[in-house]
């Protein structure tokens, strides 16, 4: 079989199994020796098929994505630091060019298609929140500490296009622009570990991913939604001016309005601004309350207790996350609304020279990211209070 593809090898083994099974059916029951021989051959071929299938899984074209902790312990400068020939270790995780629908979470995202659960002996790890918000926005790398973008002021735009008579003056139009500037922020996380933990690579990987990297990414996720833009905080999508308030009135929502009508109204408002809404953001508690909604006959609007209602409303996927405040919601074209500006990806560094580390055989680990966030089109996001208007 040398030189043939794995698919051909599997095909030949399957054909051989078919032949063996055919012979076993034709062999008389009295011929026990032949039946035993065929049975042994069948077992051998079955094991060969299993090995080929496992080999196929291991040699898939898609490369395995490594976590920050795995990248650190495999780096040459870490090995030098561990052996005492360097004073620090540093590794920066490059941003992926093709961002996934969900941001990579070192706790809940499997690597290589297999989820390997980590348990520290005697301690049950706490729950970790799936991180999803960052993956909603396009990410652009920058090499400076500030970023600029030009925002179109649609309210002041004048469309002068009109039909004109032969030889008459053609009308002018105008477009109003405003230059916006943002700054890069640093999100960091420090921890001290023993040299014994540093020498235990698997445990060190788990510690870095679960405590440091996850902590940094969690803060970024919350800031992208509710950051108030003051000091070193990002200006999140729920900050005043970064989204369009739905402003719905009772008359806008028709007869016997429900929360579902309010969300539909916000969706229509995004579409009216010529954007294409692609996601509805809700707090998990609010989504649960909506699942409990019933009509006058007591029937559930969204499925029933014996089934799981799909997370869709008005044709849009519902993303539930504690990052969005309970009682708030957003409908939007998130790809067009904002941009994440990456100055420095997740960077993990280790230092022995920190305070009294040398005296106590401790090592300081620092995980940090440097990024900025700018909402360019507030009209692409519509939402606000998830309550029905009184008037």
Protein backbone atom coordinates (compact mmCIF):
# COMPACT_ATOMS: atom_id res chain seq x y z
CA UNK A 1 0.00 0.00 0.00
CA UNK A 2 3.09 2.25 0.04
CA UNK A 3 2.65 5.46 -1.97
CA UNK A 4 -1.13 5.23 -1.95
CA UNK A 5 -3.40 7.75 -0.25
CA UNK A 6 -4.92 7.05 3.15
CA UNK A 7 -8.37 6.93 1.55
CA UNK A 8 -7.18 4.13 -0.77
CA UNK A 9 -5.73 2.22 2.18
CA UNK A 10 -9.00 2.46 4.08
CA UNK A 11 -10.92 1.38 0.97
CA UNK A 12 -8.71 -1.69 0.51
CA UNK A 13 -9.05 -2.71 4.15
CA UNK A 14 -12.84 -2.35 3.90
CA UNK A 15 -12.90 -4.52 0.78
CA UNK A 16 -10.74 -7.14 2.51
CA UNK A 17 -13.15 -7.16 5.44
CA UNK A 18 -16.05 -7.68 3.04
CA UNK A 19 -14.27 -10.65 1.46
CA UNK A 20 -13.53 -12.21 4.84
CA UNK A 21 -17.13 -11.77 5.96
CA UNK A 22 -18.31 -13.36 2.70
CA UNK A 23 -16.05 -16.37 3.19
CA UNK A 24 -17.22 -16.74 6.77
CA UNK A 25 -20.79 -16.95 5.53
CA UNK A 26 -19.88 -19.63 2.99
CA UNK A 27 -17.73 -21.76 5.35
CA UNK A 28 -19.50 -24.72 6.89
CA UNK A 29 -20.03 -24.60 10.62
CA UNK A 30 -18.19 -27.91 10.97
CA UNK A 31 -14.97 -26.39 9.69
CA UNK A 32 -14.04 -24.74 12.99
CA UNK A 33 -10.35 -24.27 12.11
CA UNK A 34 -11.16 -22.22 8.99
CA UNK A 35 -13.74 -20.17 10.88
CA UNK A 36 -11.16 -19.40 13.57
CA UNK A 37 -8.62 -18.36 10.94
CA UNK A 38 -11.12 -16.06 9.24
CA UNK A 39 -12.14 -14.61 12.61
CA UNK A 40 -8.52 -13.83 13.44
CA UNK A 41 -8.06 -12.16 10.04
CA UNK A 42 -11.22 -10.10 10.56
CA UNK A 43 -9.96 -8.90 13.95
CA UNK A 44 -6.59 -7.97 12.45
CA UNK A 45 -8.21 -6.00 9.63
CA UNK A 46 -10.57 -4.24 12.03
CA UNK A 47 -7.65 -3.08 14.17
CA UNK A 48 -5.82 -1.92 11.04
CA UNK A 49 -8.89 0.08 9.99
CA UNK A 50 -9.12 1.70 13.45
CA UNK A 51 -5.46 2.71 13.30
CA UNK A 52 -5.90 4.26 9.86
CA UNK A 53 -8.95 6.23 11.03
CA UNK A 54 -7.08 7.50 14.09
CA UNK A 55 -4.12 8.42 11.90
CA UNK A 56 -6.50 10.36 9.62
CA UNK A 57 -7.79 12.37 12.58
CA UNK A 58 -4.24 13.18 13.66
CA UNK A 59 -3.23 14.34 10.18
CA UNK A 60 -6.09 16.68 9.36
CA UNK A 61 -5.10 19.69 7.28
CA UNK A 62 -6.28 22.18 9.93
CA UNK A 63 -3.40 22.99 12.31
CA UNK A 64 -3.97 22.70 16.03
CA UNK A 65 -4.33 26.08 17.74
CA UNK A 66 -2.24 26.39 20.87
CA UNK A 67 -3.17 28.39 23.93
CA UNK A 68 -1.09 31.16 25.45
CA UNK A 69 0.15 28.84 28.18
CA UNK A 70 1.21 26.16 25.71
CA UNK A 71 3.02 28.71 23.57
CA UNK A 72 4.90 29.99 26.61
CA UNK A 73 6.14 26.65 27.94
CA UNK A 74 7.25 25.59 24.45
CA UNK A 75 9.19 28.81 23.80
CA UNK A 76 12.99 28.63 23.86
CA UNK A 77 13.30 31.70 26.10
CA UNK A 78 11.06 30.03 28.70
CA UNK A 79 13.30 26.97 28.75
CA UNK A 80 16.31 29.25 29.23
CA UNK A 81 14.51 31.12 32.04
CA UNK A 82 13.52 27.85 33.73
CA UNK A 83 17.10 26.60 33.55
CA UNK A 84 18.45 29.84 35.04
CA UNK A 85 20.30 31.16 31.97
CA UNK A 86 17.87 34.05 31.33
CA UNK A 87 16.29 36.68 33.60
CA UNK A 88 12.83 36.63 32.03
CA UNK A 89 10.65 34.81 29.50
CA UNK A 90 8.25 36.48 27.06
CA UNK A 91 5.88 35.28 24.33
CA UNK A 92 3.29 37.26 22.36
CA UNK A 93 0.32 35.51 20.76
CA UNK A 94 -0.33 36.87 17.27
CA UNK A 95 -3.92 37.80 16.43
CA UNK A 96 -5.67 35.40 14.04
CA UNK A 97 -6.37 36.90 10.63
CA UNK A 98 -9.63 35.00 10.20
CA UNK A 99 -11.53 35.66 13.42
CA UNK A 100 -14.13 33.12 14.35
CA UNK A 101 -17.72 33.78 15.21
CA UNK A 102 -16.77 33.38 18.87
CA UNK A 103 -13.62 34.68 20.44
CA UNK A 104 -11.20 32.00 21.57
CA UNK A 105 -11.61 31.20 25.24
CA UNK A 106 -8.67 29.23 26.69
CA UNK A 107 -11.07 27.46 29.06
CA UNK A 108 -14.04 26.54 26.88
CA UNK A 109 -12.45 26.41 23.41
CA UNK A 110 -11.19 22.92 22.54
CA UNK A 111 -7.81 22.47 20.85
CA UNK A 112 -7.32 19.86 18.18
CA UNK A 113 -10.99 18.84 18.36
CA UNK A 114 -10.62 17.25 21.82
CA UNK A 115 -11.60 18.90 25.10
CA UNK A 116 -9.08 18.02 27.79
CA UNK A 117 -10.58 18.74 31.21
CA UNK A 118 -8.19 20.07 33.82
CA UNK A 119 -8.58 19.27 37.49
CA UNK A 120 -6.13 20.38 40.17
CA UNK A 121 -6.00 17.55 42.76
CA UNK A 122 -8.38 18.24 45.63
CA UNK A 123 -9.84 21.42 44.08
CA UNK A 124 -12.79 21.76 41.74
CA UNK A 125 -12.19 24.63 39.26
CA UNK A 126 -14.84 27.34 39.19
CA UNK A 127 -17.15 28.12 36.27
CA UNK A 128 -15.77 30.10 33.35
CA UNK A 129 -17.87 32.35 31.17
CA UNK A 130 -17.83 31.73 27.41
CA UNK A 131 -16.35 34.79 25.69
CA UNK A 132 -18.22 35.83 22.55
CA UNK A 133 -18.43 39.62 22.17
CA UNK A 134 -14.95 40.28 20.79
CA UNK A 135 -15.61 38.02 17.81
CA UNK A 136 -18.47 40.29 16.68
CA UNK A 137 -16.15 43.08 15.57
CA UNK A 138 -13.46 43.25 12.89
CA UNK A 139 -9.94 43.60 14.26
CA UNK A 140 -7.19 45.72 12.69
CA UNK A 141 -3.52 45.70 13.76
CA UNK A 142 -1.85 49.07 14.40
CA UNK A 143 1.71 50.09 15.29
CA UNK A 144 0.95 53.35 17.13
CA UNK A 145 -0.60 54.24 20.48
CA UNK A 146 -3.48 56.17 18.90
CA UNK A 147 -5.86 55.55 16.04
CA UNK A 148 -7.99 57.84 13.88
CA UNK A 149 -11.03 57.33 11.73
CA UNK A 150 -13.37 59.61 9.81
CA UNK A 151 -17.03 59.40 10.79
CA UNK A 152 -19.79 60.48 8.45
CA UNK A 153 -22.44 62.73 9.99
CA UNK A 154 -25.54 61.45 8.24
CA UNK A 155 -27.81 64.06 9.84
CA UNK A 156 -25.97 66.85 8.02
CA UNK A 157 -25.65 65.11 4.66
CA UNK A 158 -27.51 66.71 1.75
CA UNK A 159 -28.43 64.63 -1.28
CA UNK A 160 -28.65 67.20 -4.08
CA UNK A 161 -29.49 64.72 -6.84
CA UNK A 162 -32.53 65.81 -8.88
CA UNK A 163 -33.94 65.79 -12.40
CA UNK A 164 -32.92 68.93 -14.29
CA UNK A 165 -34.00 70.54 -17.53
CA UNK A 166 -31.67 70.76 -20.53
CA UNK A 167 -29.07 73.47 -19.96
CA UNK A 168 -30.21 74.17 -16.38
CA UNK A 169 -27.87 74.40 -13.39
CA UNK A 170 -27.04 71.00 -11.88
CA UNK A 171 -27.65 70.79 -8.10
CA UNK A 172 -24.89 70.34 -5.52
CA UNK A 173 -24.94 67.87 -2.64
CA UNK A 174 -22.82 67.86 0.49
CA UNK A 175 -21.45 65.32 2.92
CA UNK A 176 -20.35 66.14 6.45
CA UNK A 177 -17.43 64.31 8.05
CA UNK A 178 -15.88 64.40 11.51
CA UNK A 179 -12.42 63.12 12.43
CA UNK A 180 -12.34 60.92 15.52
CA UNK A 181 -9.32 59.92 17.59
CA UNK A 182 -8.93 57.08 20.07
CA UNK A 183 -6.08 55.83 22.23
CA UNK A 184 -4.74 52.38 22.93
CA UNK A 185 -5.41 51.01 26.43
CA UNK A 186 -3.44 48.41 28.39
CA UNK A 187 -5.17 45.54 30.19
CA UNK A 188 -2.80 43.60 32.47
CA UNK A 189 -2.88 40.82 35.06
CA UNK A 190 -0.10 39.82 37.51
CA UNK A 191 0.40 36.68 39.60
CA UNK A 192 3.17 35.02 41.58
CA UNK A 193 3.89 31.31 41.35
CA UNK A 194 6.40 28.95 42.93
CA UNK A 195 9.34 27.56 41.01
CA UNK A 196 7.88 24.11 41.59
CA UNK A 197 4.82 25.10 39.56
CA UNK A 198 7.04 26.59 36.85
CA UNK A 199 8.81 23.24 36.54
CA UNK A 200 5.47 21.43 36.06
CA UNK A 201 4.66 22.39 32.45
CA UNK A 202 1.08 20.97 32.24
CA UNK A 203 0.09 22.62 35.52
CA UNK A 204 1.71 25.90 34.45
CA UNK A 205 -0.22 25.87 31.15
CA UNK A 206 -3.51 25.40 33.01
CA UNK A 207 -2.68 28.15 35.52
CA UNK A 208 -1.75 30.70 32.85
CA UNK A 209 -4.83 29.96 30.75
CA UNK A 210 -7.34 29.73 33.59
CA UNK A 211 -6.15 32.57 35.80
CA UNK A 212 -4.20 35.11 33.78
CA UNK A 213 -5.22 34.96 30.12
CA UNK A 214 -8.88 34.34 30.91
CA UNK A 215 -8.91 37.23 33.39
CA UNK A 216 -7.56 39.68 30.80
CA UNK A 217 -9.99 38.54 28.08
CA UNK A 218 -12.92 38.70 30.50
CA UNK A 219 -12.20 42.35 31.33
CA UNK A 220 -11.89 43.17 27.61
CA UNK A 221 -15.27 41.56 26.91
CA UNK A 222 -17.02 43.56 29.63
CA UNK A 223 -15.35 46.79 28.50
CA UNK A 224 -16.43 46.31 24.88
CA UNK A 225 -20.05 46.41 26.09
CA UNK A 226 -20.23 48.63 29.17
CA UNK A 227 -16.93 50.58 29.24
CA UNK A 228 -17.62 54.26 30.00
CA UNK A 229 -14.65 55.69 28.10
CA UNK A 230 -13.16 57.51 31.10
CA UNK A 231 -9.52 57.18 32.14
CA UNK A 232 -8.13 53.83 30.99
CA UNK A 233 -11.57 52.40 30.16
CA UNK A 234 -12.73 51.61 26.65
CA UNK A 235 -15.86 53.29 25.31
CA UNK A 236 -18.25 50.33 24.97
CA UNK A 237 -21.20 49.85 22.67
CA UNK A 238 -23.71 50.63 25.45
CA UNK A 239 -22.02 53.95 26.27
CA UNK A 240 -24.06 57.07 25.46
CA UNK A 241 -23.61 58.10 21.84
CA UNK A 242 -22.25 54.74 20.69
CA UNK A 243 -25.66 53.32 19.83
CA UNK A 244 -29.08 54.55 18.73
CA UNK A 245 -31.75 54.53 21.45
CA UNK A 246 -34.81 52.71 20.10
CA UNK A 247 -37.18 55.49 21.26
CA UNK A 248 -40.25 53.33 20.68
CA UNK A 249 -43.66 54.58 21.72
CA UNK A 250 -46.76 52.55 22.45
CA UNK A 251 -48.16 53.53 19.05
CA UNK A 252 -45.05 52.22 17.28
CA UNK A 253 -45.58 48.68 18.60
CA UNK A 254 -49.17 48.06 17.47
CA UNK A 255 -51.94 46.33 19.39
CA UNK A 256 -51.17 44.29 22.52
CA UNK A 257 -47.41 44.92 22.25
CA UNK A 258 -44.84 42.53 23.70
CA UNK A 259 -41.09 42.63 24.24
CA UNK A 260 -40.75 40.76 20.96
CA UNK A 261 -42.36 43.71 19.16
CA UNK A 262 -39.87 46.08 20.80
CA UNK A 263 -36.94 44.05 19.46
CA UNK A 264 -38.53 43.94 16.01
CA UNK A 265 -38.90 47.73 16.08
CA UNK A 266 -35.20 48.13 16.91
CA UNK A 267 -34.29 45.73 14.08
CA UNK A 268 -36.36 47.79 11.64
CA UNK A 269 -34.63 50.96 12.81
CA UNK A 270 -31.22 49.50 11.99
CA UNK A 271 -32.48 48.43 8.56
CA UNK A 272 -33.95 51.90 8.01
CA UNK A 273 -30.42 53.27 8.45
CA UNK A 274 -29.34 50.97 5.56
CA UNK A 275 -27.48 48.47 7.74
CA UNK A 276 -28.00 44.72 7.94
CA UNK A 277 -28.56 43.56 11.53
CA UNK A 278 -26.91 40.23 12.25
CA UNK A 279 -27.12 39.63 16.03
CA UNK A 280 -29.37 40.39 19.02
CA UNK A 281 -27.54 40.79 22.34
CA UNK A 282 -29.43 39.87 25.51
CA UNK A 283 -28.60 39.11 29.12
CA UNK A 284 -29.24 35.39 29.92
CA UNK A 285 -31.80 36.35 32.60
CA UNK A 286 -33.77 38.44 30.11
CA UNK A 287 -33.70 35.65 27.52
CA UNK A 288 -35.03 33.24 30.14
CA UNK A 289 -37.86 35.66 30.95
CA UNK A 290 -38.75 35.79 27.26
CA UNK A 291 -38.86 32.00 27.11
CA UNK A 292 -41.50 32.15 29.86
CA UNK A 293 -43.74 34.51 27.88
CA UNK A 294 -47.19 33.03 27.15
CA UNK A 295 -50.20 34.14 25.14
CA UNK A 296 -53.74 34.58 26.46
CA UNK A 297 -54.35 30.83 26.14
CA UNK A 298 -51.31 29.97 28.26
CA UNK A 299 -49.24 28.72 25.32
CA UNK A 300 -45.56 29.61 25.20
CA UNK A 301 -44.49 31.93 22.40
CA UNK A 302 -41.06 30.28 22.12
CA UNK A 303 -41.40 26.50 22.12
CA UNK A 304 -42.54 24.66 25.26
CA UNK A 305 -40.93 22.96 28.28
CA UNK A 306 -40.50 19.66 26.43
CA UNK A 307 -38.24 21.21 23.79
CA UNK A 308 -35.39 23.68 23.54
CA UNK A 309 -36.37 26.87 21.75
CA UNK A 310 -33.80 27.93 19.13
CA UNK A 311 -31.99 31.15 20.00
CA UNK A 312 -33.53 33.14 17.16
CA UNK A 313 -35.89 36.12 17.06
CA UNK A 314 -37.18 37.68 13.86
CA UNK A 315 -34.64 35.70 11.83
CA UNK A 316 -31.63 36.89 13.87
CA UNK A 317 -29.47 34.80 16.24
CA UNK A 318 -29.71 35.73 19.92
CA UNK A 319 -26.38 35.91 21.74
CA UNK A 320 -26.78 35.76 25.51
CA UNK A 321 -23.99 37.08 27.69
CA UNK A 322 -23.69 38.56 31.20
CA UNK A 323 -21.54 41.27 29.59
CA UNK A 324 -24.72 43.13 28.64
CA UNK A 325 -26.58 44.65 31.57
CA UNK A 326 -29.81 42.95 32.62
CA UNK A 327 -32.76 44.96 31.32
CA UNK A 328 -30.83 46.18 28.25
CA UNK A 329 -30.62 44.87 24.69
CA UNK A 330 -28.96 45.68 21.38
CA UNK A 331 -29.78 44.77 17.81
CA UNK A 332 -27.12 45.60 15.29
CA UNK A 333 -24.89 45.19 12.33
CA UNK A 334 -21.84 44.62 14.53
CA UNK A 335 -19.44 44.10 11.63
CA UNK A 336 -20.14 47.62 10.37
CA UNK A 337 -20.63 49.31 13.75
CA UNK A 338 -17.17 49.26 15.34
CA UNK A 339 -13.54 48.17 15.06
CA UNK A 340 -11.12 46.62 17.53
CA UNK A 341 -7.64 48.12 17.11
CA UNK A 342 -4.92 45.70 18.21
CA UNK A 343 -1.60 47.24 19.26
CA UNK A 344 -0.28 44.16 21.06
CA UNK A 345 -1.81 40.71 21.25
CA UNK A 346 -1.91 38.59 24.38
CA UNK A 347 1.61 38.70 25.82
CA UNK A 348 2.80 36.53 28.71
CA UNK A 349 6.06 37.34 30.51
CA UNK A 350 7.84 35.81 33.51
CA UNK A 351 10.24 37.60 35.89
CA UNK A 352 12.31 36.34 38.78
CA UNK A 353 13.61 39.80 39.75
CA UNK A 354 10.51 41.26 41.42
CA UNK A 355 10.40 42.45 45.06
CA UNK A 356 11.49 39.45 47.22
CA UNK A 357 10.96 36.67 44.66
CA UNK A 358 14.58 35.52 44.87
CA UNK A 359 14.38 35.09 48.63
CA UNK A 360 11.17 33.10 48.44
CA UNK A 361 11.77 31.08 45.24
CA UNK A 362 8.85 32.79 43.49
CA UNK A 363 8.32 33.91 39.90
CA UNK A 364 6.06 36.75 38.74
CA UNK A 365 3.92 36.21 35.64
CA UNK A 366 2.36 39.08 33.70
CA UNK A 367 -0.31 38.71 31.01
CA UNK A 368 -1.40 41.79 29.11
CA UNK A 369 -2.97 43.13 25.94
CA UNK A 370 -2.90 46.57 24.36
CA UNK A 371 -5.87 47.55 22.26
CA UNK A 372 -8.32 50.29 21.35
CA UNK A 373 -11.96 50.26 20.41
CA UNK A 374 -13.92 52.72 18.31
CA UNK A 375 -17.60 52.83 17.35
CA UNK A 376 -17.74 54.38 13.89
CA UNK A 377 -21.44 53.96 13.09
CA UNK A 378 -23.84 54.36 16.01
CA UNK A 379 -26.78 53.98 13.62
CA UNK A 380 -25.77 50.34 13.06
CA UNK A 381 -26.65 49.57 16.70
CA UNK A 382 -30.12 50.10 18.14
CA UNK A 383 -31.48 49.17 21.55
CA UNK A 384 -31.63 50.38 25.11
CA UNK A 385 -34.09 49.53 27.88
CA UNK A 386 -35.87 46.20 27.44
CA UNK A 387 -39.17 47.56 28.75
CA UNK A 388 -42.39 48.41 26.95
CA UNK A 389 -43.16 52.13 26.64
CA UNK A 390 -46.09 53.43 28.69
CA UNK A 391 -47.13 56.05 26.17
